[in-house]
Amino acid sequence: MGVGVKPQGMGMFGTFLKAQESSQTLVLAHAGIGDHGALEVARFIASNTKLLRLDLTGNGISATGVAHLAGALRQNIALESLVLRHNRLGEGGAVGFQTLCRAVRSNEVLQHLDLRHNNLSGALGAACIGELLVGNAVLTHIELSWNPLDPAGGQVLLDHLKQNTTLFDCQLTGCGIAEETLLEIAQVLRRNRVARGANMQAGPYLLSLEHGGAAKGLASSPPGLGRTWHGDYGEDRGADGDPAPGLTSSGHPSGMVVSSSRTEELRNRLTDWRFARIRRGEDAPDVQELLELLNKGQAKLEEEVVGVENLRIHLQCLTRGFQDRVLRYQSDVDIKQALLLDFQREKQELGAIQQRASDDLALQREAWEQAHELAVAVRRRSEAEEVASNADLANVLRDKSACETRLRELTAKLEHQEAENKQLREKATSLRQGVVVLQSNSLATLQGG
């Protein structure tokens, strides 16, 4: 289907799905259904016993939508092929994809799973797929191309594949897996094919759909191999119910080989029959009509042969161009891998430089912390000494003030004492003078007497 079904049209979409309940194949490629549409599809396939092939290519389904599909796979007992390529299963966390892998692991009918272009990356994505393969005994074909599993993821996938005995084909183009790992995976797959009696080249999964809905005549071949999807033969019949060219009345391919020699033989036989009827006097318009139809059929066959040859040439050109692009891309990948290795080495060198710088910084930080602690101790000691000095200075100032007061008192007393001494000296002088006068008078008296 090329019609985009948006979430707001889910009611009409549900009606469309209900109309497909008896179909063996449902193709919703690039229909734009998203996670909401995936929920509707999950409800549709959960109990459906007719659907054998489901194609959800390019619908923007993320981990949320695939979780809905996983729930339906646990209940479905008929679906053989599930195509989920070009979606976003690797986005939105690993829980949704892990849920899908667990559901496929326990599913007993699914034989083909297409997960190309889903951004499944690294060892984690590979581990989920590997656990699926270890526990599943039915799946024969899985397509993982163009998911960046990388060398580590490839090794994880190989380790799990060695425990699987039923997988015949695993497509890993563009996954970035090492060449040695791819070779070992190919050997494991070939071992499985040989063990199952299917010693043939790996190839795409071919689903067989028979008229009437049930698959027939497949029990003698291994599941998923030698099974061709012929479509519903009921659609290939004409308006009168006759089988389509190349088919028997039962709808199966005819064993007759169409070729120019065979057509010429029929043309000669019809011509002989026409002449024989004319010789008997009978009309032969039906023979002439058959000859005309045969000539038209041969002309159409020749046109188709030319078309097929042109298509083959076109496909060869496309294949050659694709191979050239693959070689060119491989060369680019090799160059980028070499650059990546250089970048990794440079990263390691820069990491070593950063580590040394970090160690130097740690030493400098430790030295700074020690210096800081010493400075804090010195400051505290200085502050304590300053406080003590201030206290001593305060005491000295108090002593100075007391000394100054005492000095003033003593100075005042000295001045007062000096004043008293002056008075005493004056008195002493007066007394001395009086004594001298008295002595003089006494001497005079004595002399006069």
Protein backbone atom coordinates (compact mmCIF):
# COMPACT_ATOMS: atom_id res chain seq x y z
CA MET A 1 0.00 0.00 0.00
CA GLY A 2 1.25 3.42 -0.82
CA VAL A 3 -1.39 5.33 1.11
CA GLY A 4 -0.18 6.90 4.32
CA VAL A 5 -2.38 6.07 7.30
CA LYS A 6 -2.00 8.70 9.98
CA PRO A 7 -2.91 8.26 13.68
CA GLN A 8 -5.97 10.46 13.33
CA GLY A 9 -7.36 7.96 10.81
CA MET A 10 -7.04 4.93 13.04
CA GLY A 11 -10.78 4.23 12.96
CA MET A 12 -10.77 3.86 9.17
CA PHE A 13 -7.50 1.92 9.42
CA GLY A 14 -9.08 -0.54 11.82
CA THR A 15 -11.96 -1.02 9.36
CA PHE A 16 -9.46 -1.68 6.59
CA LEU A 17 -7.67 -4.28 8.70
CA LYS A 18 -10.92 -6.02 9.54
CA ALA A 19 -11.56 -6.40 5.82
CA GLN A 20 -8.22 -8.25 5.49
CA GLU A 21 -9.00 -10.96 8.03
CA SER A 22 -8.99 -13.76 5.43
CA SER A 23 -5.88 -12.57 3.53
CA GLN A 24 -2.70 -14.59 3.65
CA THR A 25 -0.45 -11.58 3.10
CA LEU A 26 -0.72 -7.98 4.29
CA VAL A 27 1.61 -5.32 2.85
CA LEU A 28 1.62 -1.92 4.57
CA ALA A 29 4.98 -0.74 3.26
CA HIS A 30 5.56 3.02 3.66
CA ALA A 31 1.99 3.55 4.86
CA GLY A 32 3.10 5.93 7.64
CA ILE A 33 1.17 4.11 10.36
CA GLY A 34 3.74 4.83 13.13
CA ASP A 35 3.47 3.42 16.64
CA HIS A 36 -0.31 4.01 16.84
CA GLY A 37 -0.86 2.01 13.67
CA ALA A 38 1.47 -0.70 14.98
CA LEU A 39 -0.89 -1.07 17.94
CA GLU A 40 -3.85 -1.57 15.56
CA VAL A 41 -1.86 -4.11 13.52
CA ALA A 42 -0.91 -5.94 16.73
CA ARG A 43 -4.55 -6.26 17.69
CA PHE A 44 -5.29 -7.51 14.17
CA ILE A 45 -2.66 -10.27 14.08
CA ALA A 46 -2.96 -11.42 17.70
CA SER A 47 -5.75 -13.89 16.95
CA ASN A 48 -5.52 -14.06 13.15
CA THR A 49 -4.94 -17.60 11.85
CA LYS A 50 -4.90 -16.81 8.10
CA LEU A 51 -2.13 -14.24 7.76
CA LEU A 52 1.23 -15.75 6.76
CA ARG A 53 3.22 -12.68 5.68
CA LEU A 54 3.21 -9.16 7.19
CA ASP A 55 5.22 -6.32 5.64
CA LEU A 56 5.58 -3.11 7.71
CA THR A 57 8.50 -1.59 5.79
CA GLY A 58 9.24 2.10 6.36
CA ASN A 59 6.48 3.03 8.82
CA GLY A 60 8.52 4.90 11.42
CA ILE A 61 7.87 2.25 14.05
CA SER A 62 10.01 2.74 17.15
CA ALA A 63 10.63 0.63 20.25
CA THR A 64 7.17 1.58 21.51
CA GLY A 65 5.37 0.23 18.45
CA VAL A 66 7.45 -2.93 18.25
CA ALA A 67 6.57 -3.71 21.86
CA HIS A 68 2.90 -3.84 20.77
CA LEU A 69 3.83 -6.23 17.95
CA ALA A 70 5.79 -8.39 20.38
CA GLY A 71 2.70 -8.91 22.49
CA ALA A 72 0.77 -10.01 19.42
CA LEU A 73 3.52 -12.45 18.34
CA ARG A 74 3.17 -14.26 21.65
CA GLN A 75 -0.46 -15.04 20.74
CA ASN A 76 -0.19 -15.53 16.96
CA ILE A 77 0.10 -19.12 15.67
CA ALA A 78 0.19 -18.59 11.90
CA LEU A 79 2.54 -15.77 10.83
CA GLU A 80 5.63 -17.11 9.00
CA SER A 81 7.24 -13.92 7.66
CA LEU A 82 7.56 -10.52 9.40
CA VAL A 83 9.21 -7.62 7.56
CA LEU A 84 10.19 -4.59 9.70
CA ARG A 85 12.95 -3.04 7.62
CA HIS A 86 13.50 0.74 7.40
CA ASN A 87 11.95 1.48 10.81
CA ARG A 88 13.37 2.86 14.07
CA LEU A 89 13.48 -0.20 16.32
CA GLY A 90 16.88 0.80 17.71
CA GLU A 91 15.59 4.16 18.93
CA GLY A 92 13.75 4.93 22.15
CA GLY A 93 15.70 2.54 24.35
CA ALA A 94 16.50 -1.15 24.15
CA VAL A 95 13.48 -2.39 26.14
CA GLY A 96 11.09 -2.49 23.17
CA PHE A 97 13.49 -4.36 20.91
CA GLN A 98 14.36 -6.79 23.72
CA THR A 99 10.64 -7.47 24.13
CA LEU A 100 10.37 -8.28 20.41
CA CYS A 101 13.36 -10.63 20.56
CA ARG A 102 11.91 -12.47 23.54
CA ALA A 103 8.57 -12.83 21.74
CA VAL A 104 10.23 -14.21 18.58
CA ARG A 105 12.35 -16.52 20.72
CA SER A 106 9.24 -18.21 22.10
CA ASN A 107 7.31 -18.11 18.78
CA GLU A 108 6.93 -21.53 17.14
CA VAL A 109 5.84 -20.56 13.60
CA LEU A 110 7.82 -17.50 12.47
CA GLN A 111 10.50 -18.52 9.96
CA HIS A 112 11.58 -15.20 8.42
CA LEU A 113 12.41 -11.92 10.18
CA ASP A 114 13.60 -8.82 8.27
CA LEU A 115 15.23 -6.14 10.48
CA ARG A 116 17.31 -4.26 7.90
CA HIS A 117 17.97 -0.52 8.36
CA ASN A 118 16.73 -0.26 11.97
CA ASN A 119 19.73 1.37 13.67
CA LEU A 120 20.39 -1.70 15.82
CA SER A 121 23.86 -0.96 17.07
CA GLY A 122 26.77 -2.48 18.92
CA ALA A 123 27.12 -5.46 21.17
CA LEU A 124 23.84 -4.76 23.01
CA GLY A 125 21.70 -5.09 19.88
CA ALA A 126 23.67 -8.14 18.77
CA ALA A 127 23.20 -9.74 22.20
CA CYS A 128 19.41 -9.35 21.96
CA ILE A 129 19.40 -10.97 18.51
CA GLY A 130 21.79 -13.68 19.70
CA GLU A 131 19.56 -14.63 22.63
CA LEU A 132 16.66 -14.84 20.17
CA LEU A 133 18.61 -17.27 17.97
CA VAL A 134 19.80 -19.42 20.87
CA GLY A 135 16.28 -20.05 22.14
CA ASN A 136 14.42 -20.33 18.81
CA ALA A 137 14.24 -23.62 16.88
CA VAL A 138 12.01 -22.47 13.98
CA LEU A 139 13.51 -19.31 12.48
CA THR A 140 15.44 -20.09 9.27
CA HIS A 141 16.04 -16.65 7.74
CA ILE A 142 16.97 -13.36 9.41
CA GLU A 143 18.04 -10.18 7.64
CA LEU A 144 20.16 -7.68 9.61
CA SER A 145 21.87 -5.70 6.84
CA TRP A 146 22.78 -2.02 7.36
CA ASN A 147 22.58 -2.07 11.13
CA PRO A 148 25.81 -0.74 12.76
CA LEU A 149 26.60 -3.85 14.79
CA ASP A 150 30.37 -3.17 14.44
CA PRO A 151 33.10 -5.80 15.04
CA ALA A 152 32.22 -6.25 18.70
CA GLY A 153 28.56 -6.88 17.89
CA GLY A 154 29.58 -9.32 15.14
CA GLN A 155 31.62 -11.36 17.59
CA VAL A 156 28.71 -11.46 20.06
CA LEU A 157 26.37 -12.59 17.26
CA LEU A 158 28.83 -15.32 16.21
CA ASP A 159 29.13 -16.63 19.78
CA HIS A 160 25.36 -17.04 19.97
CA LEU A 161 24.99 -18.43 16.45
CA LYS A 162 27.30 -21.31 17.31
CA GLN A 163 24.57 -22.53 19.66
CA ASN A 164 21.86 -22.39 16.95
CA THR A 165 21.15 -25.32 14.60
CA THR A 166 18.15 -24.10 12.57
CA LEU A 167 19.15 -20.79 10.97
CA PHE A 168 20.00 -21.19 7.26
CA ASP A 169 20.52 -17.59 6.13
CA CYS A 170 21.67 -14.42 7.90
CA GLN A 171 22.16 -11.26 5.81
CA LEU A 172 24.80 -8.93 7.32
CA THR A 173 25.71 -6.51 4.51
CA GLY A 174 26.89 -3.11 5.75
CA CYS A 175 26.96 -4.05 9.44
CA GLY A 176 30.65 -3.23 9.93
CA ILE A 177 31.49 -6.79 11.00
CA ALA A 178 35.04 -8.05 10.59
CA GLU A 179 35.71 -10.24 7.54
CA GLU A 180 36.96 -13.12 9.68
CA THR A 181 33.76 -13.04 11.73
CA LEU A 182 31.61 -13.06 8.59
CA LEU A 183 33.46 -16.12 7.31
CA GLU A 184 32.90 -17.98 10.59
CA ILE A 185 29.20 -17.04 10.53
CA ALA A 186 28.94 -18.36 6.96
CA GLN A 187 30.51 -21.64 8.08
CA VAL A 188 28.03 -21.97 10.96
CA LEU A 189 25.08 -21.34 8.59
CA ARG A 190 26.40 -23.90 6.12
CA ARG A 191 26.76 -26.40 8.97
CA ASN A 192 23.09 -25.86 9.83
CA ARG A 193 21.98 -26.31 6.20
CA VAL A 194 23.96 -29.53 5.80
CA ALA A 195 22.67 -30.88 9.10
CA ARG A 196 19.08 -30.16 8.02
CA GLY A 197 19.51 -31.72 4.58
CA ALA A 198 19.48 -28.34 2.87
CA ASN A 199 23.02 -28.22 1.47
CA MET A 200 22.43 -25.33 -0.92
CA GLN A 201 23.43 -21.70 -1.35
CA ALA A 202 21.82 -19.32 1.10
CA GLY A 203 19.16 -17.12 -0.41
CA PRO A 204 16.10 -15.00 0.30
CA TYR A 205 13.13 -16.47 2.06
CA LEU A 206 10.36 -17.52 -0.34
CA LEU A 207 6.88 -17.91 1.12
CA SER A 208 4.46 -20.39 -0.47
CA LEU A 209 0.81 -19.34 -0.65
CA GLU A 210 -1.60 -21.89 -2.10
CA HIS A 211 -5.15 -21.40 -3.39
CA GLY A 212 -7.59 -21.96 -0.58
CA GLY A 213 -5.29 -20.51 2.06
CA ALA A 214 -3.56 -23.67 3.30
CA ALA A 215 -0.01 -24.53 2.34
CA LYS A 216 0.29 -27.87 0.62
CA GLY A 217 3.04 -30.21 -0.44
CA LEU A 218 5.69 -28.69 1.81
CA ALA A 219 6.19 -31.41 4.40
CA SER A 220 8.95 -33.09 2.42
CA SER A 221 11.22 -30.03 2.31
CA PRO A 222 12.86 -28.18 5.19
CA PRO A 223 10.91 -25.12 6.42
CA GLY A 224 11.70 -21.93 4.54
CA LEU A 225 13.65 -23.62 1.70
CA GLY A 226 12.40 -24.41 -1.78
CA ARG A 227 9.11 -22.67 -1.00
CA THR A 228 7.89 -20.26 -3.64
CA TRP A 229 5.28 -17.56 -3.12
CA HIS A 230 3.04 -18.07 -6.14
CA GLY A 231 0.32 -15.74 -4.90
CA ASP A 232 -3.42 -16.51 -4.91
CA TYR A 233 -4.17 -18.39 -8.10
CA GLY A 234 -7.79 -17.39 -7.86
CA GLU A 235 -6.77 -13.91 -8.96
CA ASP A 236 -5.00 -15.29 -12.07
CA ARG A 237 -8.11 -16.85 -13.60
CA GLY A 238 -10.09 -15.24 -16.37
CA ALA A 239 -13.67 -14.11 -16.20
CA ASP A 240 -14.88 -17.50 -17.41
CA GLY A 241 -12.98 -19.38 -14.69
CA ASP A 242 -10.32 -20.85 -17.00
CA PRO A 243 -6.87 -21.21 -15.53
CA ALA A 244 -4.26 -18.64 -16.36
CA PRO A 245 -1.72 -19.52 -19.06
CA GLY A 246 0.93 -21.89 -17.75
CA LEU A 247 -1.35 -23.20 -14.94
CA THR A 248 -3.35 -26.40 -14.67
CA SER A 249 -7.03 -26.46 -13.84
CA SER A 250 -6.16 -26.92 -10.17
CA GLY A 251 -4.14 -23.71 -10.22
CA HIS A 252 -0.70 -25.36 -10.13
CA PRO A 253 2.05 -24.67 -12.68
CA SER A 254 1.77 -26.74 -15.84
CA GLY A 255 4.55 -29.13 -16.87
CA MET A 256 4.47 -28.00 -20.52
CA VAL A 257 7.57 -26.20 -21.74
CA VAL A 258 6.82 -23.19 -24.00
CA SER A 259 9.39 -22.77 -26.78
CA SER A 260 9.67 -21.75 -30.46
CA SER A 261 10.08 -25.38 -31.57
CA ARG A 262 7.02 -26.43 -29.59
CA THR A 263 4.99 -23.59 -31.08
CA GLU A 264 6.14 -24.48 -34.60
CA GLU A 265 5.18 -28.12 -34.00
CA LEU A 266 1.68 -27.10 -32.89
CA ARG A 267 1.40 -24.74 -35.84
CA ASN A 268 2.26 -27.57 -38.28
CA ARG A 269 -0.16 -29.97 -36.62
CA LEU A 270 -2.95 -27.38 -36.74
CA THR A 271 -2.18 -26.68 -40.40
CA ASP A 272 -2.30 -30.41 -41.24
CA TRP A 273 -5.56 -30.74 -39.33
CA ARG A 274 -7.04 -27.74 -41.16
CA PHE A 275 -6.10 -29.18 -44.60
CA ALA A 276 -7.46 -32.59 -43.62
CA ARG A 277 -10.81 -31.03 -42.66
CA ILE A 278 -10.90 -29.01 -45.88
CA ARG A 279 -10.21 -32.16 -47.91
CA ARG A 280 -13.19 -33.79 -46.15
CA GLY A 281 -15.29 -30.77 -47.18
CA GLU A 282 -15.57 -29.40 -43.64
CA ASP A 283 -15.16 -25.79 -42.59
CA ALA A 284 -12.26 -25.08 -40.27
CA PRO A 285 -12.76 -21.55 -38.83
CA ASP A 286 -11.96 -22.78 -35.32
CA VAL A 287 -8.63 -24.16 -36.52
CA GLN A 288 -7.84 -20.86 -38.20
CA GLU A 289 -8.74 -19.07 -34.96
CA LEU A 290 -6.44 -21.39 -33.04
CA LEU A 291 -3.62 -20.67 -35.51
CA GLU A 292 -4.14 -16.93 -35.11
CA LEU A 293 -4.18 -17.26 -31.33
CA LEU A 294 -1.05 -19.38 -31.47
CA ASN A 295 0.70 -16.83 -33.69
CA LYS A 296 -0.33 -14.02 -31.35
CA GLY A 297 0.83 -16.02 -28.37
CA GLN A 298 4.17 -16.73 -30.01
CA ALA A 299 4.61 -13.05 -30.90
CA LYS A 300 3.78 -12.08 -27.35
CA LEU A 301 6.18 -14.71 -26.06
CA GLU A 302 8.96 -13.37 -28.26
CA GLU A 303 8.23 -9.84 -27.00
CA GLU A 304 8.36 -11.09 -23.45
CA VAL A 305 11.62 -12.92 -24.13
CA VAL A 306 13.09 -9.69 -25.48
CA GLY A 307 11.73 -7.85 -22.46
CA VAL A 308 13.18 -10.44 -20.10
CA GLU A 309 16.55 -10.21 -21.85
CA ASN A 310 16.46 -6.43 -21.63
CA LEU A 311 15.50 -6.74 -17.97
CA ARG A 312 18.35 -9.19 -17.41
CA ILE A 313 20.80 -6.79 -19.02
CA HIS A 314 19.37 -3.96 -16.96
CA LEU A 315 19.68 -6.01 -13.80
CA GLN A 316 23.25 -6.91 -14.73
CA CYS A 317 24.05 -3.24 -15.16
CA LEU A 318 22.39 -2.46 -11.86
CA THR A 319 24.23 -5.33 -10.19
CA ARG A 320 27.55 -4.24 -11.67
CA GLY A 321 26.89 -0.67 -10.59
CA PHE A 322 25.92 -1.87 -7.14
CA GLN A 323 29.06 -4.01 -6.91
CA ASP A 324 31.17 -1.04 -8.04
CA ARG A 325 29.52 1.09 -5.39
CA VAL A 326 30.10 -1.64 -2.81
CA LEU A 327 33.80 -1.77 -3.74
CA ARG A 328 34.02 2.00 -3.65
CA TYR A 329 32.18 2.17 -0.35
CA GLN A 330 34.38 -0.63 0.99
CA SER A 331 37.44 1.39 0.00
CA ASP A 332 35.95 4.42 1.71
CA VAL A 333 35.16 2.28 4.75
CA ASP A 334 38.75 1.00 4.84
CA ILE A 335 40.05 4.57 4.65
CA LYS A 336 37.66 5.67 7.37
CA GLN A 337 38.64 2.68 9.51
CA ALA A 338 42.30 3.61 9.09
CA LEU A 339 41.45 7.18 10.08
CA LEU A 340 39.45 5.82 13.00
CA LEU A 341 42.46 3.79 14.14
CA ASP A 342 44.63 6.93 13.85
CA PHE A 343 42.05 8.86 15.84
CA GLN A 344 41.95 6.10 18.45
CA ARG A 345 45.74 6.15 18.78
CA GLU A 346 45.66 9.95 18.99
CA LYS A 347 42.90 9.66 21.56
CA GLN A 348 45.04 7.27 23.61
CA GLU A 349 48.01 9.63 23.38
CA LEU A 350 45.86 12.60 24.35
CA GLY A 351 44.39 10.49 27.14
CA ALA A 352 47.90 9.75 28.42
CA ILE A 353 48.80 13.45 28.22
CA GLN A 354 45.59 14.32 30.02
CA GLN A 355 46.35 11.71 32.68
CA ARG A 356 49.82 13.13 33.24
CA ALA A 357 48.39 16.66 33.39
CA SER A 358 45.76 15.42 35.83
CA ASP A 359 48.46 13.83 38.00
CA ASP A 360 50.53 17.05 37.93
CA LEU A 361 47.43 19.05 38.76
CA ALA A 362 46.66 16.70 41.64
CA LEU A 363 50.20 17.16 43.00
CA GLN A 364 49.96 20.92 42.63
CA ARG A 365 46.56 20.90 44.28
CA GLU A 366 47.96 18.85 47.16
CA ALA A 367 50.92 21.25 47.52
CA TRP A 368 48.57 24.23 47.40
CA GLU A 369 46.34 22.67 50.04
CA GLN A 370 49.36 22.10 52.29
CA ALA A 371 50.55 25.69 51.73
CA HIS A 372 47.04 26.92 52.39
CA GLU A 373 46.81 24.94 55.62
CA LEU A 374 50.23 26.33 56.67
CA ALA A 375 49.14 29.87 55.84
CA VAL A 376 45.95 29.39 57.84
CA ALA A 377 47.97 28.08 60.81
CA VAL A 378 50.40 31.03 60.55
CA ARG A 379 47.54 33.48 60.33
CA ARG A 380 45.86 31.96 63.34
CA ARG A 381 49.13 32.04 65.29
CA SER A 382 49.73 35.65 64.20
CA GLU A 383 46.19 36.57 65.23
CA ALA A 384 46.75 34.93 68.63
CA GLU A 385 50.07 36.76 69.02
CA GLU A 386 48.41 39.99 67.96
CA VAL A 387 45.70 39.50 70.56
CA ALA A 388 48.35 38.83 73.22
CA SER A 389 50.39 41.83 72.08
CA ASN A 390 47.30 44.02 72.16
CA ALA A 391 46.60 42.82 75.68
CA ASP A 392 50.20 43.53 76.70
CA LEU A 393 50.01 46.94 75.03
CA ALA A 394 46.81 47.70 76.90
CA ASN A 395 48.51 46.76 80.18
CA VAL A 396 51.53 48.89 79.29
CA LEU A 397 49.27 51.82 78.42
CA ARG A 398 47.47 51.40 81.72
CA ASP A 399 50.80 51.27 83.54
CA LYS A 400 51.96 54.34 81.60
CA SER A 401 48.78 56.20 82.53
CA ALA A 402 49.25 55.24 86.17
CA CYS A 403 52.91 56.30 86.03
CA GLU A 404 51.98 59.61 84.46
CA THR A 405 49.38 60.18 87.18
CA ARG A 406 51.94 59.25 89.82
CA LEU A 407 54.48 61.50 88.13
CA ARG A 408 52.10 64.42 88.25
CA GLU A 409 51.38 63.77 91.90
CA LEU A 410 55.05 63.54 92.70
CA THR A 411 55.78 66.66 90.65
CA ALA A 412 53.11 68.55 92.56
CA LYS A 413 54.53 67.28 95.84
CA LEU A 414 58.02 68.26 94.68
CA GLU A 415 56.88 71.74 93.81
CA HIS A 416 55.13 72.04 97.14
CA GLN A 417 58.22 70.69 98.93
CA GLU A 418 60.42 73.11 97.04
CA ALA A 419 58.14 75.95 98.04
CA GLU A 420 58.33 74.81 101.65
CA ASN A 421 62.09 74.38 101.33
CA LYS A 422 62.36 77.91 99.94
CA GLN A 423 60.38 79.25 102.84
CA LEU A 424 62.53 77.24 105.19
CA ARG A 425 65.68 78.50 103.49
CA GLU A 426 64.37 82.06 103.81
CA LYS A 427 63.57 81.44 107.45
CA ALA A 428 66.96 79.84 107.92
CA THR A 429 68.57 82.87 106.30
CA SER A 430 66.59 85.20 108.52
CA LEU A 431 67.50 83.13 111.52
CA ARG A 432 71.09 83.06 110.45
CA GLN A 433 71.04 86.82 110.04
CA GLY A 434 69.33 87.17 113.40
CA VAL A 435 71.94 84.94 114.98
CA VAL A 436 74.70 86.94 113.41
CA VAL A 437 73.16 90.14 114.70
CA LEU A 438 72.66 88.57 118.06
CA GLN A 439 76.18 87.35 118.10
CA SER A 440 77.36 90.78 117.09
CA ASN A 441 75.31 92.37 119.79
CA SER A 442 76.57 89.84 122.28
CA LEU A 443 80.14 90.49 121.32
CA ALA A 444 79.53 94.13 121.50
CA THR A 445 77.97 93.79 124.87
CA LEU A 446 80.73 91.66 126.04
CA GLN A 447 83.31 94.10 124.80
CA GLY A 448 81.52 96.99 126.31
CA GLY A 449 81.28 95.30 129.65
